[in-house]
Every structure is written in structure tokens, then in C-alpha cells.
Amino acid sequence: MNDRIALRGMRIYGHHGANAREQVVAQPVDVDLEVEVDLRAPAESDRLGDTVDYAALQRMVVRIVAEQRYSLLERLAGEIACAALEQPRIVAVTVSVAKPRIFQESGATPSVTLHRRR
């Protein structure tokens, strides 16, 4: 299956990082989410009930990033991936998480990308 739904460029403020300051001061976290789902039915029916609700996916990502606290980007990405796979129509997920301001002096942006399949 090659059908995909993507949410790109989400910037959410959260408390994630291995040092204590990162757990106290909210910082931007950039998230890209891509889910693999069979889109044949909604392509014909034009009904929201036949697909994955983009707004619900976006709310799920915002809730996890804004309300949870993790030391590692790997864990944050893993939690997002697991939550996405709870939706029965989603058969695979790719999630990328980046912290664009962590290394301001060098301009580097650390990121993690995970792919998980049901």
C-alpha cells in the first residue's frame, strides 16, 4: 500500500530534553507525521468517516508534545508513533521530531525519525 496522509511543519512548544533546563523552559519542537492508510474508499466516497481525521491526528500530536515530558527525542517520537497506530485504519507511521533551537551557536538541528508498522 502506498497511500499516505501527512501533517508537516507542526511546531509545538514542549518540555523535552536530557538536561534540567529543558524540562523547565518550554522550547519549540517540530514534528512531521506521515501515516500509511488505505485511501481507496474515501477517494470514491468523499466522506470523512472513510478516512483518518487530519484534525484528530494533529490534536493527538499537540497533546503529546505539549502535555508530556521526555528526556529523549526518541521517546517522544515513539509515543507519537504508538498513539497514531492506535487508530485502526493506520497500518504504518513515520514520525520526525526536531528541536530547532537547541544548538543555536552552531545552527545544528537535532532530529529523530522513526518508522513503525502494525
PDB file of N, CA and C in Angstrom:
ATOM      1  N   MET A   1       0.852  -1.182   0.000  1.00  0.00           N
ATOM      2  CA  MET A   1       0.000   0.000   0.000  1.00  0.00           C
ATOM      3  C   MET A   1       0.895   1.242   0.000  1.00  0.00           C
ATOM      4  N   ASN A   2       0.576   2.197  -0.843  1.00  0.00           N
ATOM      5  CA  ASN A   2       1.367   3.425  -0.925  1.00  0.00           C
ATOM      6  C   ASN A   2       0.581   4.676  -0.573  1.00  0.00           C
ATOM      7  N   ASP A   3      -0.653   4.532  -0.102  1.00  0.00           N
ATOM      8  CA  ASP A   3      -1.464   5.693   0.246  1.00  0.00           C
ATOM      9  C   ASP A   3      -0.975   6.274   1.570  1.00  0.00           C
ATOM     10  N   ARG A   4      -0.884   7.596   1.618  1.00  0.00           N
ATOM     11  CA  ARG A   4      -0.353   8.247   2.812  1.00  0.00           C
ATOM     12  C   ARG A   4      -1.098   9.557   3.097  1.00  0.00           C
ATOM     13  N   ILE A   5      -1.174   9.867   4.351  1.00  0.00           N
ATOM     14  CA  ILE A   5      -1.634  11.179   4.821  1.00  0.00           C
ATOM     15  C   ILE A   5      -0.473  11.766   5.602  1.00  0.00           C
ATOM     16  N   ALA A   6      -0.159  13.025   5.346  1.00  0.00           N
ATOM     17  CA  ALA A   6       0.972  13.661   6.032  1.00  0.00           C
ATOM     18  C   ALA A   6       0.540  14.968   6.684  1.00  0.00           C
ATOM     19  N   LEU A   7       1.101  15.214   7.844  1.00  0.00           N
ATOM     20  CA  LEU A   7       0.995  16.507   8.527  1.00  0.00           C
ATOM     21  C   LEU A   7       2.423  17.000   8.691  1.00  0.00           C
ATOM     22  N   ARG A   8       2.764  18.058   8.015  1.00  0.00           N
ATOM     23  CA  ARG A   8       4.138  18.546   8.018  1.00  0.00           C
ATOM     24  C   ARG A   8       4.227  19.938   8.658  1.00  0.00           C
ATOM     25  N   GLY A   9       5.354  20.172   9.296  1.00  0.00           N
ATOM     26  CA  GLY A   9       5.653  21.508   9.799  1.00  0.00           C
ATOM     27  C   GLY A   9       4.935  21.909  11.068  1.00  0.00           C
ATOM     28  N   MET A  10       4.516  20.937  11.878  1.00  0.00           N
ATOM     29  CA  MET A  10       3.886  21.304  13.147  1.00  0.00           C
ATOM     30  C   MET A  10       4.970  21.802  14.102  1.00  0.00           C
ATOM     31  N   ARG A  11       4.760  22.959  14.692  1.00  0.00           N
ATOM     32  CA  ARG A  11       5.661  23.493  15.710  1.00  0.00           C
ATOM     33  C   ARG A  11       4.862  23.631  16.994  1.00  0.00           C
ATOM     34  N   ILE A  12       5.296  22.882  18.005  1.00  0.00           N
ATOM     35  CA  ILE A  12       4.590  22.818  19.274  1.00  0.00           C
ATOM     36  C   ILE A  12       5.615  23.065  20.375  1.00  0.00           C
ATOM     37  N   TYR A  13       5.232  23.816  21.380  1.00  0.00           N
ATOM     38  CA  TYR A  13       6.139  24.063  22.495  1.00  0.00           C
ATOM     39  C   TYR A  13       5.959  22.982  23.557  1.00  0.00           C
ATOM     40  N   GLY A  14       7.090  22.419  23.998  1.00  0.00           N
ATOM     41  CA  GLY A  14       7.052  21.367  24.992  1.00  0.00           C
ATOM     42  C   GLY A  14       8.286  21.375  25.864  1.00  0.00           C
ATOM     43  N   HIS A  15       8.300  20.488  26.838  1.00  0.00           N
ATOM     44  CA  HIS A  15       9.379  20.379  27.821  1.00  0.00           C
ATOM     45  C   HIS A  15      10.076  19.037  27.648  1.00  0.00           C
ATOM     46  N   HIS A  16      10.992  18.959  26.696  1.00  0.00           N
ATOM     47  CA  HIS A  16      11.672  17.705  26.397  1.00  0.00           C
ATOM     48  C   HIS A  16      13.169  17.947  26.331  1.00  0.00           C
ATOM     49  N   GLY A  17      13.931  17.087  26.969  1.00  0.00           N
ATOM     50  CA  GLY A  17      15.381  17.208  26.908  1.00  0.00           C
ATOM     51  C   GLY A  17      16.043  16.501  28.072  1.00  0.00           C
ATOM     52  N   ALA A  18      17.311  16.218  27.891  1.00  0.00           N
ATOM     53  CA  ALA A  18      18.072  15.462  28.884  1.00  0.00           C
ATOM     54  C   ALA A  18      18.586  16.327  30.024  1.00  0.00           C
ATOM     55  N   ASN A  19      18.666  17.656  29.824  1.00  0.00           N
ATOM     56  CA  ASN A  19      19.143  18.477  30.939  1.00  0.00           C
ATOM     57  C   ASN A  19      17.969  19.160  31.643  1.00  0.00           C
ATOM     58  N   ALA A  20      18.182  19.533  32.880  1.00  0.00           N
ATOM     59  CA  ALA A  20      17.106  20.048  33.730  1.00  0.00           C
ATOM     60  C   ALA A  20      16.446  21.291  33.151  1.00  0.00           C
ATOM     61  N   ARG A  21      17.227  22.182  32.555  1.00  0.00           N
ATOM     62  CA  ARG A  21      16.655  23.419  31.996  1.00  0.00           C
ATOM     63  C   ARG A  21      15.626  23.117  30.907  1.00  0.00           C
ATOM     64  N   GLU A  22      15.887  22.098  30.108  1.00  0.00           N
ATOM     65  CA  GLU A  22      14.954  21.737  29.035  1.00  0.00           C
ATOM     66  C   GLU A  22      13.627  21.226  29.591  1.00  0.00           C
ATOM     67  N   GLN A  23      13.638  20.713  30.797  1.00  0.00           N
ATOM     68  CA  GLN A  23      12.416  20.226  31.419  1.00  0.00           C
ATOM     69  C   GLN A  23      11.607  21.357  32.055  1.00  0.00           C
ATOM     70  N   VAL A  24      12.256  22.534  32.230  1.00  0.00           N
ATOM     71  CA  VAL A  24      11.602  23.669  32.881  1.00  0.00           C
ATOM     72  C   VAL A  24      11.117  24.699  31.870  1.00  0.00           C
ATOM     73  N   VAL A  25      11.958  25.038  30.909  1.00  0.00           N
ATOM     74  CA  VAL A  25      11.648  26.088  29.939  1.00  0.00           C
ATOM     75  C   VAL A  25      11.112  25.446  28.657  1.00  0.00           C
ATOM     76  N   ALA A  26       9.899  25.804  28.271  1.00  0.00           N
ATOM     77  CA  ALA A  26       9.315  25.269  27.045  1.00  0.00           C
ATOM     78  C   ALA A  26      10.128  25.726  25.839  1.00  0.00           C
ATOM     79  N   GLN A  27      10.297  24.824  24.902  1.00  0.00           N
ATOM     80  CA  GLN A  27      11.038  25.129  23.689  1.00  0.00           C
ATOM     81  C   GLN A  27      10.289  24.548  22.493  1.00  0.00           C
ATOM     82  N   PRO A  28      10.526  25.075  21.299  1.00  0.00           N
ATOM     83  CA  PRO A  28       9.807  24.561  20.137  1.00  0.00           C
ATOM     84  C   PRO A  28      10.282  23.159  19.757  1.00  0.00           C
ATOM     85  N   VAL A  29       9.319  22.358  19.376  1.00  0.00           N
ATOM     86  CA  VAL A  29       9.572  21.017  18.864  1.00  0.00           C
ATOM     87  C   VAL A  29       8.843  20.936  17.522  1.00  0.00           C
ATOM     88  N   ASP A  30       9.573  20.599  16.477  1.00  0.00           N
ATOM     89  CA  ASP A  30       8.979  20.476  15.150  1.00  0.00           C
ATOM     90  C   ASP A  30       8.663  19.011  14.882  1.00  0.00           C
ATOM     91  N   VAL A  31       7.460  18.753  14.391  1.00  0.00           N
ATOM     92  CA  VAL A  31       7.016  17.386  14.151  1.00  0.00           C
ATOM     93  C   VAL A  31       6.447  17.263  12.744  1.00  0.00           C
ATOM     94  N   ASP A  32       6.881  16.219  12.042  1.00  0.00           N
ATOM     95  CA  ASP A  32       6.283  15.802  10.783  1.00  0.00           C
ATOM     96  C   ASP A  32       5.739  14.397  11.003  1.00  0.00           C
ATOM     97  N   LEU A  33       4.524  14.169  10.564  1.00  0.00           N
ATOM     98  CA  LEU A  33       3.879  12.876  10.748  1.00  0.00           C
ATOM     99  C   LEU A  33       3.332  12.404   9.411  1.00  0.00           C
ATOM    100  N   GLU A  34       3.626  11.162   9.082  1.00  0.00           N
ATOM    101  CA  GLU A  34       3.082  10.559   7.868  1.00  0.00           C
ATOM    102  C   GLU A  34       2.520   9.199   8.243  1.00  0.00           C
ATOM    103  N   VAL A  35       1.272   8.960   7.856  1.00  0.00           N
ATOM    104  CA  VAL A  35       0.640   7.680   8.158  1.00  0.00           C
ATOM    105  C   VAL A  35       0.274   6.978   6.860  1.00  0.00           C
ATOM    106  N   GLU A  36       0.422   5.667   6.877  1.00  0.00           N
ATOM    107  CA  GLU A  36       0.045   4.848   5.734  1.00  0.00           C
ATOM    108  C   GLU A  36      -1.342   4.293   6.015  1.00  0.00           C
ATOM    109  N   VAL A  37      -2.235   4.520   5.063  1.00  0.00           N
ATOM    110  CA  VAL A  37      -3.636   4.144   5.243  1.00  0.00           C
ATOM    111  C   VAL A  37      -4.239   3.893   3.858  1.00  0.00           C
ATOM    112  N   ASP A  38      -5.172   2.974   3.771  1.00  0.00           N
ATOM    113  CA  ASP A  38      -5.845   2.693   2.502  1.00  0.00           C
ATOM    114  C   ASP A  38      -6.843   3.823   2.220  1.00  0.00           C
ATOM    115  N   LEU A  39      -6.596   4.575   1.172  1.00  0.00           N
ATOM    116  CA  LEU A  39      -7.432   5.738   0.848  1.00  0.00           C
ATOM    117  C   LEU A  39      -8.379   5.492  -0.327  1.00  0.00           C
ATOM    118  N   ARG A  40      -8.532   4.253  -0.736  1.00  0.00           N
ATOM    119  CA  ARG A  40      -9.431   3.982  -1.867  1.00  0.00           C
ATOM    120  C   ARG A  40     -10.870   4.366  -1.544  1.00  0.00           C
ATOM    121  N   ALA A  41     -11.377   3.968  -0.386  1.00  0.00           N
ATOM    122  CA  ALA A  41     -12.777   4.268  -0.041  1.00  0.00           C
ATOM    123  C   ALA A  41     -13.043   5.769   0.026  1.00  0.00           C
ATOM    124  N   PRO A  42     -12.244   6.557   0.765  1.00  0.00           N
ATOM    125  CA  PRO A  42     -12.543   7.985   0.809  1.00  0.00           C
ATOM    126  C   PRO A  42     -12.298   8.694  -0.529  1.00  0.00           C
ATOM    127  N   ALA A  43     -11.436   8.146  -1.358  1.00  0.00           N
ATOM    128  CA  ALA A  43     -11.213   8.748  -2.675  1.00  0.00           C
ATOM    129  C   ALA A  43     -12.466   8.645  -3.536  1.00  0.00           C
ATOM    130  N   GLU A  44     -13.282   7.634  -3.273  1.00  0.00           N
ATOM    131  CA  GLU A  44     -14.534   7.475  -4.012  1.00  0.00           C
ATOM    132  C   GLU A  44     -15.726   8.097  -3.299  1.00  0.00           C
ATOM    133  N   SER A  45     -15.774   7.953  -1.968  1.00  0.00           N
ATOM    134  CA  SER A  45     -16.974   8.367  -1.224  1.00  0.00           C
ATOM    135  C   SER A  45     -16.993   9.847  -0.853  1.00  0.00           C
ATOM    136  N   ASP A  46     -15.809  10.446  -0.678  1.00  0.00           N
ATOM    137  CA  ASP A  46     -15.697  11.843  -0.225  1.00  0.00           C
ATOM    138  C   ASP A  46     -16.286  12.019   1.181  1.00  0.00           C
ATOM    139  N   ARG A  47     -16.188  10.955   2.014  1.00  0.00           N
ATOM    140  CA  ARG A  47     -16.722  11.011   3.369  1.00  0.00           C
ATOM    141  C   ARG A  47     -15.597  10.938   4.395  1.00  0.00           C
ATOM    142  N   LEU A  48     -15.632  11.835   5.364  1.00  0.00           N
ATOM    143  CA  LEU A  48     -14.633  11.851   6.435  1.00  0.00           C
ATOM    144  C   LEU A  48     -14.606  10.536   7.201  1.00  0.00           C
ATOM    145  N   GLY A  49     -15.736   9.915   7.364  1.00  0.00           N
ATOM    146  CA  GLY A  49     -15.814   8.664   8.099  1.00  0.00           C
ATOM    147  C   GLY A  49     -15.068   7.512   7.442  1.00  0.00           C
ATOM    148  N   ASP A  50     -14.672   7.666   6.192  1.00  0.00           N
ATOM    149  CA  ASP A  50     -13.948   6.621   5.472  1.00  0.00           C
ATOM    150  C   ASP A  50     -12.436   6.801   5.508  1.00  0.00           C
ATOM    151  N   THR A  51     -11.970   7.838   6.177  1.00  0.00           N
ATOM    152  CA  THR A  51     -10.532   8.124   6.197  1.00  0.00           C
ATOM    153  C   THR A  51     -10.066   8.387   7.618  1.00  0.00           C
ATOM    154  N   VAL A  52      -8.871   8.875   7.761  1.00  0.00           N
ATOM    155  CA  VAL A  52      -8.323   9.274   9.052  1.00  0.00           C
ATOM    156  C   VAL A  52      -8.503  10.781   9.175  1.00  0.00           C
ATOM    157  N   ASP A  53      -9.035  11.222  10.271  1.00  0.00           N
ATOM    158  CA  ASP A  53      -9.299  12.643  10.503  1.00  0.00           C
ATOM    159  C   ASP A  53      -7.983  13.380  10.773  1.00  0.00           C
ATOM    160  N   TYR A  54      -7.581  14.268   9.844  1.00  0.00           N
ATOM    161  CA  TYR A  54      -6.317  15.010   9.989  1.00  0.00           C
ATOM    162  C   TYR A  54      -6.310  15.838  11.263  1.00  0.00           C
ATOM    163  N   ALA A  55      -7.452  16.454  11.571  1.00  0.00           N
ATOM    164  CA  ALA A  55      -7.526  17.314  12.762  1.00  0.00           C
ATOM    165  C   ALA A  55      -7.321  16.494  14.031  1.00  0.00           C
ATOM    166  N   ALA A  56      -7.859  15.282  14.076  1.00  0.00           N
ATOM    167  CA  ALA A  56      -7.675  14.424  15.244  1.00  0.00           C
ATOM    168  C   ALA A  56      -6.209  14.012  15.379  1.00  0.00           C
ATOM    169  N   LEU A  57      -5.548  13.724  14.264  1.00  0.00           N
ATOM    170  CA  LEU A  57      -4.115  13.410  14.303  1.00  0.00           C
ATOM    171  C   LEU A  57      -3.317  14.590  14.852  1.00  0.00           C
ATOM    172  N   GLN A  58      -3.640  15.777  14.361  1.00  0.00           N
ATOM    173  CA  GLN A  58      -2.921  16.974  14.794  1.00  0.00           C
ATOM    174  C   GLN A  58      -3.128  17.228  16.281  1.00  0.00           C
ATOM    175  N   ARG A  59      -4.335  17.073  16.763  1.00  0.00           N
ATOM    176  CA  ARG A  59      -4.616  17.262  18.198  1.00  0.00           C
ATOM    177  C   ARG A  59      -3.854  16.245  19.037  1.00  0.00           C
ATOM    178  N   MET A  60      -3.758  15.021  18.560  1.00  0.00           N
ATOM    179  CA  MET A  60      -3.031  13.977  19.276  1.00  0.00           C
ATOM    180  C   MET A  60      -1.557  14.352  19.410  1.00  0.00           C
ATOM    181  N   VAL A  61      -0.951  14.827  18.330  1.00  0.00           N
ATOM    182  CA  VAL A  61       0.460  15.226  18.364  1.00  0.00           C
ATOM    183  C   VAL A  61       0.652  16.398  19.325  1.00  0.00           C
ATOM    184  N   VAL A  62      -0.195  17.402  19.223  1.00  0.00           N
ATOM    185  CA  VAL A  62      -0.087  18.572  20.109  1.00  0.00           C
ATOM    186  C   VAL A  62      -0.213  18.148  21.566  1.00  0.00           C
ATOM    187  N   ARG A  63      -1.166  17.287  21.865  1.00  0.00           N
ATOM    188  CA  ARG A  63      -1.368  16.839  23.247  1.00  0.00           C
ATOM    189  C   ARG A  63      -0.119  16.145  23.785  1.00  0.00           C
ATOM    190  N   ILE A  64       0.455  15.258  23.015  1.00  0.00           N
ATOM    191  CA  ILE A  64       1.633  14.518  23.480  1.00  0.00           C
ATOM    192  C   ILE A  64       2.818  15.450  23.677  1.00  0.00           C
ATOM    193  N   VAL A  65       3.093  16.317  22.703  1.00  0.00           N
ATOM    194  CA  VAL A  65       4.259  17.207  22.801  1.00  0.00           C
ATOM    195  C   VAL A  65       4.074  18.229  23.918  1.00  0.00           C
ATOM    196  N   ALA A  66       2.892  18.811  24.022  1.00  0.00           N
ATOM    197  CA  ALA A  66       2.671  19.895  24.988  1.00  0.00           C
ATOM    198  C   ALA A  66       2.448  19.401  26.416  1.00  0.00           C
ATOM    199  N   GLU A  67       1.874  18.203  26.587  1.00  0.00           N
ATOM    200  CA  GLU A  67       1.485  17.763  27.921  1.00  0.00           C
ATOM    201  C   GLU A  67       2.428  16.746  28.556  1.00  0.00           C
ATOM    202  N   GLN A  68       3.211  16.054  27.768  1.00  0.00           N
ATOM    203  CA  GLN A  68       4.125  15.045  28.305  1.00  0.00           C
ATOM    204  C   GLN A  68       5.532  15.624  28.416  1.00  0.00           C
ATOM    205  N   ARG A  69       6.401  14.953  29.143  1.00  0.00           N
ATOM    206  CA  ARG A  69       7.804  15.360  29.280  1.00  0.00           C
ATOM    207  C   ARG A  69       8.689  14.126  29.131  1.00  0.00           C
ATOM    208  N   TYR A  70       9.636  14.215  28.188  1.00  0.00           N
ATOM    209  CA  TYR A  70      10.562  13.115  27.955  1.00  0.00           C
ATOM    210  C   TYR A  70      11.977  13.659  27.866  1.00  0.00           C
ATOM    211  N   SER A  71      12.929  12.851  28.253  1.00  0.00           N
ATOM    212  CA  SER A  71      14.331  13.239  28.145  1.00  0.00           C
ATOM    213  C   SER A  71      14.834  13.137  26.712  1.00  0.00           C
ATOM    214  N   LEU A  72      14.344  12.154  25.979  1.00  0.00           N
ATOM    215  CA  LEU A  72      14.884  11.884  24.643  1.00  0.00           C
ATOM    216  C   LEU A  72      13.867  12.141  23.532  1.00  0.00           C
ATOM    217  N   LEU A  73      14.354  12.661  22.426  1.00  0.00           N
ATOM    218  CA  LEU A  73      13.507  12.811  21.242  1.00  0.00           C
ATOM    219  C   LEU A  73      13.030  11.445  20.759  1.00  0.00           C
ATOM    220  N   GLU A  74      13.862  10.428  20.935  1.00  0.00           N
ATOM    221  CA  GLU A  74      13.489   9.077  20.530  1.00  0.00           C
ATOM    222  C   GLU A  74      12.219   8.617  21.242  1.00  0.00           C
ATOM    223  N   ARG A  75      12.141   8.913  22.523  1.00  0.00           N
ATOM    224  CA  ARG A  75      10.951   8.525  23.301  1.00  0.00           C
ATOM    225  C   ARG A  75       9.734   9.322  22.863  1.00  0.00           C
ATOM    226  N   LEU A  76       9.902  10.614  22.659  1.00  0.00           N
ATOM    227  CA  LEU A  76       8.802  11.461  22.203  1.00  0.00           C
ATOM    228  C   LEU A  76       8.271  10.958  20.864  1.00  0.00           C
ATOM    229  N   ALA A  77       9.158  10.709  19.925  1.00  0.00           N
ATOM    230  CA  ALA A  77       8.742  10.203  18.613  1.00  0.00           C
ATOM    231  C   ALA A  77       8.053   8.851  18.748  1.00  0.00           C
ATOM    232  N   GLY A  78       8.571   7.998  19.629  1.00  0.00           N
ATOM    233  CA  GLY A  78       7.965   6.686  19.841  1.00  0.00           C
ATOM    234  C   GLY A  78       6.557   6.777  20.392  1.00  0.00           C
ATOM    235  N   GLU A  79       6.324   7.697  21.301  1.00  0.00           N
ATOM    236  CA  GLU A  79       4.986   7.873  21.868  1.00  0.00           C
ATOM    237  C   GLU A  79       4.002   8.362  20.812  1.00  0.00           C
ATOM    238  N   ILE A  80       4.451   9.274  19.964  1.00  0.00           N
ATOM    239  CA  ILE A  80       3.586   9.764  18.881  1.00  0.00           C
ATOM    240  C   ILE A  80       3.258   8.619  17.925  1.00  0.00           C
ATOM    241  N   ALA A  81       4.266   7.831  17.567  1.00  0.00           N
ATOM    242  CA  ALA A  81       4.053   6.705  16.653  1.00  0.00           C
ATOM    243  C   ALA A  81       3.069   5.702  17.248  1.00  0.00           C
ATOM    244  N   CYS A  82       3.241   5.352  18.512  1.00  0.00           N
ATOM    245  CA  CYS A  82       2.331   4.400  19.161  1.00  0.00           C
ATOM    246  C   CYS A  82       0.901   4.920  19.191  1.00  0.00           C
ATOM    247  N   ALA A  83       0.741   6.190  19.498  1.00  0.00           N
ATOM    248  CA  ALA A  83      -0.598   6.779  19.557  1.00  0.00           C
ATOM    249  C   ALA A  83      -1.255   6.765  18.175  1.00  0.00           C
ATOM    250  N   ALA A  84      -0.497   7.056  17.139  1.00  0.00           N
ATOM    251  CA  ALA A  84      -1.055   7.035  15.777  1.00  0.00           C
ATOM    252  C   ALA A  84      -1.516   5.632  15.409  1.00  0.00           C
ATOM    253  N   LEU A  85      -0.732   4.621  15.777  1.00  0.00           N
ATOM    254  CA  LEU A  85      -1.076   3.238  15.426  1.00  0.00           C
ATOM    255  C   LEU A  85      -2.272   2.704  16.203  1.00  0.00           C
ATOM    256  N   GLU A  86      -2.751   3.444  17.194  1.00  0.00           N
ATOM    257  CA  GLU A  86      -3.962   3.041  17.894  1.00  0.00           C
ATOM    258  C   GLU A  86      -5.197   3.205  17.015  1.00  0.00           C
ATOM    259  N   GLN A  87      -5.082   4.028  15.968  1.00  0.00           N
ATOM    260  CA  GLN A  87      -6.201   4.195  15.048  1.00  0.00           C
ATOM    261  C   GLN A  87      -6.226   3.007  14.086  1.00  0.00           C
ATOM    262  N   PRO A  88      -7.332   2.287  14.012  1.00  0.00           N
ATOM    263  CA  PRO A  88      -7.365   1.026  13.277  1.00  0.00           C
ATOM    264  C   PRO A  88      -7.073   1.139  11.779  1.00  0.00           C
ATOM    265  N   ARG A  89      -7.347   2.248  11.165  1.00  0.00           N
ATOM    266  CA  ARG A  89      -7.099   2.386   9.726  1.00  0.00           C
ATOM    267  C   ARG A  89      -5.615   2.580   9.399  1.00  0.00           C
ATOM    268  N   ILE A  90      -4.830   3.026  10.378  1.00  0.00           N
ATOM    269  CA  ILE A  90      -3.417   3.311  10.138  1.00  0.00           C
ATOM    270  C   ILE A  90      -2.620   2.019  10.242  1.00  0.00           C
ATOM    271  N   VAL A  91      -1.876   1.699   9.173  1.00  0.00           N
ATOM    272  CA  VAL A  91      -1.088   0.460   9.178  1.00  0.00           C
ATOM    273  C   VAL A  91       0.400   0.722   9.405  1.00  0.00           C
ATOM    274  N   ALA A  92       0.843   1.945   9.172  1.00  0.00           N
ATOM    275  CA  ALA A  92       2.245   2.305   9.415  1.00  0.00           C
ATOM    276  C   ALA A  92       2.331   3.799   9.655  1.00  0.00           C
ATOM    277  N   VAL A  93       3.390   4.205  10.344  1.00  0.00           N
ATOM    278  CA  VAL A  93       3.586   5.617  10.656  1.00  0.00           C
ATOM    279  C   VAL A  93       5.069   5.946  10.583  1.00  0.00           C
ATOM    280  N   THR A  94       5.350   7.143  10.085  1.00  0.00           N
ATOM    281  CA  THR A  94       6.692   7.709  10.138  1.00  0.00           C
ATOM    282  C   THR A  94       6.564   9.048  10.838  1.00  0.00           C
ATOM    283  N   VAL A  95       7.365   9.230  11.876  1.00  0.00           N
ATOM    284  CA  VAL A  95       7.322  10.487  12.628  1.00  0.00           C
ATOM    285  C   VAL A  95       8.740  11.023  12.769  1.00  0.00           C
ATOM    286  N   SER A  96       8.882  12.312  12.476  1.00  0.00           N
ATOM    287  CA  SER A  96      10.153  13.015  12.664  1.00  0.00           C
ATOM    288  C   SER A  96       9.942  14.102  13.696  1.00  0.00           C
ATOM    289  N   VAL A  97      10.867  14.174  14.652  1.00  0.00           N
ATOM    290  CA  VAL A  97      10.813  15.163  15.726  1.00  0.00           C
ATOM    291  C   VAL A  97      12.145  15.885  15.750  1.00  0.00           C
ATOM    292  N   ALA A  98      12.101  17.218  15.793  1.00  0.00           N
ATOM    293  CA  ALA A  98      13.329  18.022  15.793  1.00  0.00           C
ATOM    294  C   ALA A  98      13.229  19.131  16.832  1.00  0.00           C
ATOM    295  N   LYS A  99      14.398  19.520  17.362  1.00  0.00           N
ATOM    296  CA  LYS A  99      14.485  20.646  18.299  1.00  0.00           C
ATOM    297  C   LYS A  99      15.348  21.723  17.644  1.00  0.00           C
ATOM    298  N   PRO A 100      14.704  22.686  16.987  1.00  0.00           N
ATOM    299  CA  PRO A 100      15.440  23.649  16.159  1.00  0.00           C
ATOM    300  C   PRO A 100      16.287  24.663  16.916  1.00  0.00           C
ATOM    301  N   ARG A 101      16.072  24.847  18.187  1.00  0.00           N
ATOM    302  CA  ARG A 101      16.815  25.899  18.906  1.00  0.00           C
ATOM    303  C   ARG A 101      17.845  25.376  19.888  1.00  0.00           C
ATOM    304  N   ILE A 102      18.039  24.087  19.956  1.00  0.00           N
ATOM    305  CA  ILE A 102      18.905  23.530  20.996  1.00  0.00           C
ATOM    306  C   ILE A 102      20.373  23.902  20.801  1.00  0.00           C
ATOM    307  N   PHE A 103      20.849  23.945  19.573  1.00  0.00           N
ATOM    308  CA  PHE A 103      22.248  24.274  19.280  1.00  0.00           C
ATOM    309  C   PHE A 103      22.320  25.569  18.485  1.00  0.00           C
ATOM    310  N   GLN A 104      21.830  26.650  19.058  1.00  0.00           N
ATOM    311  CA  GLN A 104      21.766  27.922  18.343  1.00  0.00           C
ATOM    312  C   GLN A 104      23.135  28.413  17.903  1.00  0.00           C
ATOM    313  N   GLU A 105      24.177  28.142  18.702  1.00  0.00           N
ATOM    314  CA  GLU A 105      25.504  28.659  18.369  1.00  0.00           C
ATOM    315  C   GLU A 105      26.049  28.046  17.082  1.00  0.00           C
ATOM    316  N   SER A 106      25.663  26.809  16.760  1.00  0.00           N
ATOM    317  CA  SER A 106      26.185  26.166  15.548  1.00  0.00           C
ATOM    318  C   SER A 106      25.156  26.078  14.435  1.00  0.00           C
ATOM    319  N   GLY A 107      23.903  26.309  14.773  1.00  0.00           N
ATOM    320  CA  GLY A 107      22.848  26.222  13.768  1.00  0.00           C
ATOM    321  C   GLY A 107      22.374  24.804  13.505  1.00  0.00           C
ATOM    322  N   ALA A 108      22.917  23.818  14.213  1.00  0.00           N
ATOM    323  CA  ALA A 108      22.506  22.433  14.007  1.00  0.00           C
ATOM    324  C   ALA A 108      21.130  22.193  14.622  1.00  0.00           C
ATOM    325  N   THR A 109      20.344  21.358  13.963  1.00  0.00           N
ATOM    326  CA  THR A 109      19.035  20.972  14.471  1.00  0.00           C
ATOM    327  C   THR A 109      18.993  19.465  14.631  1.00  0.00           C
ATOM    328  N   PRO A 110      19.043  18.973  15.874  1.00  0.00           N
ATOM    329  CA  PRO A 110      18.942  17.529  16.065  1.00  0.00           C
ATOM    330  C   PRO A 110      17.525  17.045  15.757  1.00  0.00           C
ATOM    331  N   SER A 111      17.445  15.887  15.137  1.00  0.00           N
ATOM    332  CA  SER A 111      16.138  15.317  14.840  1.00  0.00           C
ATOM    333  C   SER A 111      16.215  13.799  14.883  1.00  0.00           C
ATOM    334  N   VAL A 112      15.065  13.198  15.056  1.00  0.00           N
ATOM    335  CA  VAL A 112      14.924  11.751  15.099  1.00  0.00           C
ATOM    336  C   VAL A 112      13.760  11.393  14.192  1.00  0.00           C
ATOM    337  N   THR A 113      13.927  10.335  13.407  1.00  0.00           N
ATOM    338  CA  THR A 113      12.840   9.829  12.569  1.00  0.00           C
ATOM    339  C   THR A 113      12.643   8.350  12.863  1.00  0.00           C
ATOM    340  N   LEU A 114      11.401   7.989  13.182  1.00  0.00           N
ATOM    341  CA  LEU A 114      11.044   6.605  13.459  1.00  0.00           C
ATOM    342  C   LEU A 114       9.998   6.131  12.461  1.00  0.00           C
ATOM    343  N   HIS A 115      10.084   4.880  12.078  1.00  0.00           N
ATOM    344  CA  HIS A 115       9.053   4.262  11.252  1.00  0.00           C
ATOM    345  C   HIS A 115       8.565   3.024  11.987  1.00  0.00           C
ATOM    346  N   ARG A 116       7.264   2.951  12.166  1.00  0.00           N
ATOM    347  CA  ARG A 116       6.667   1.805  12.857  1.00  0.00           C
ATOM    348  C   ARG A 116       5.508   1.274  12.007  1.00  0.00           C
ATOM    349  N   ARG A 117       5.380  -0.050  12.018  1.00  0.00           N
ATOM    350  CA  ARG A 117       4.336  -0.732  11.248  1.00  0.00           C
ATOM    351  C   ARG A 117       3.550  -1.623  12.195  1.00  0.00           C
ATOM    352  N   ARG A 118       2.271  -1.721  11.944  1.00  0.00           N
ATOM    353  CA  ARG A 118       1.398  -2.582  12.740  1.00  0.00           C
ATOM    354  C   ARG A 118       1.780  -4.021  12.531  1.00  0.00           C
TER     355      ARG A 118
END
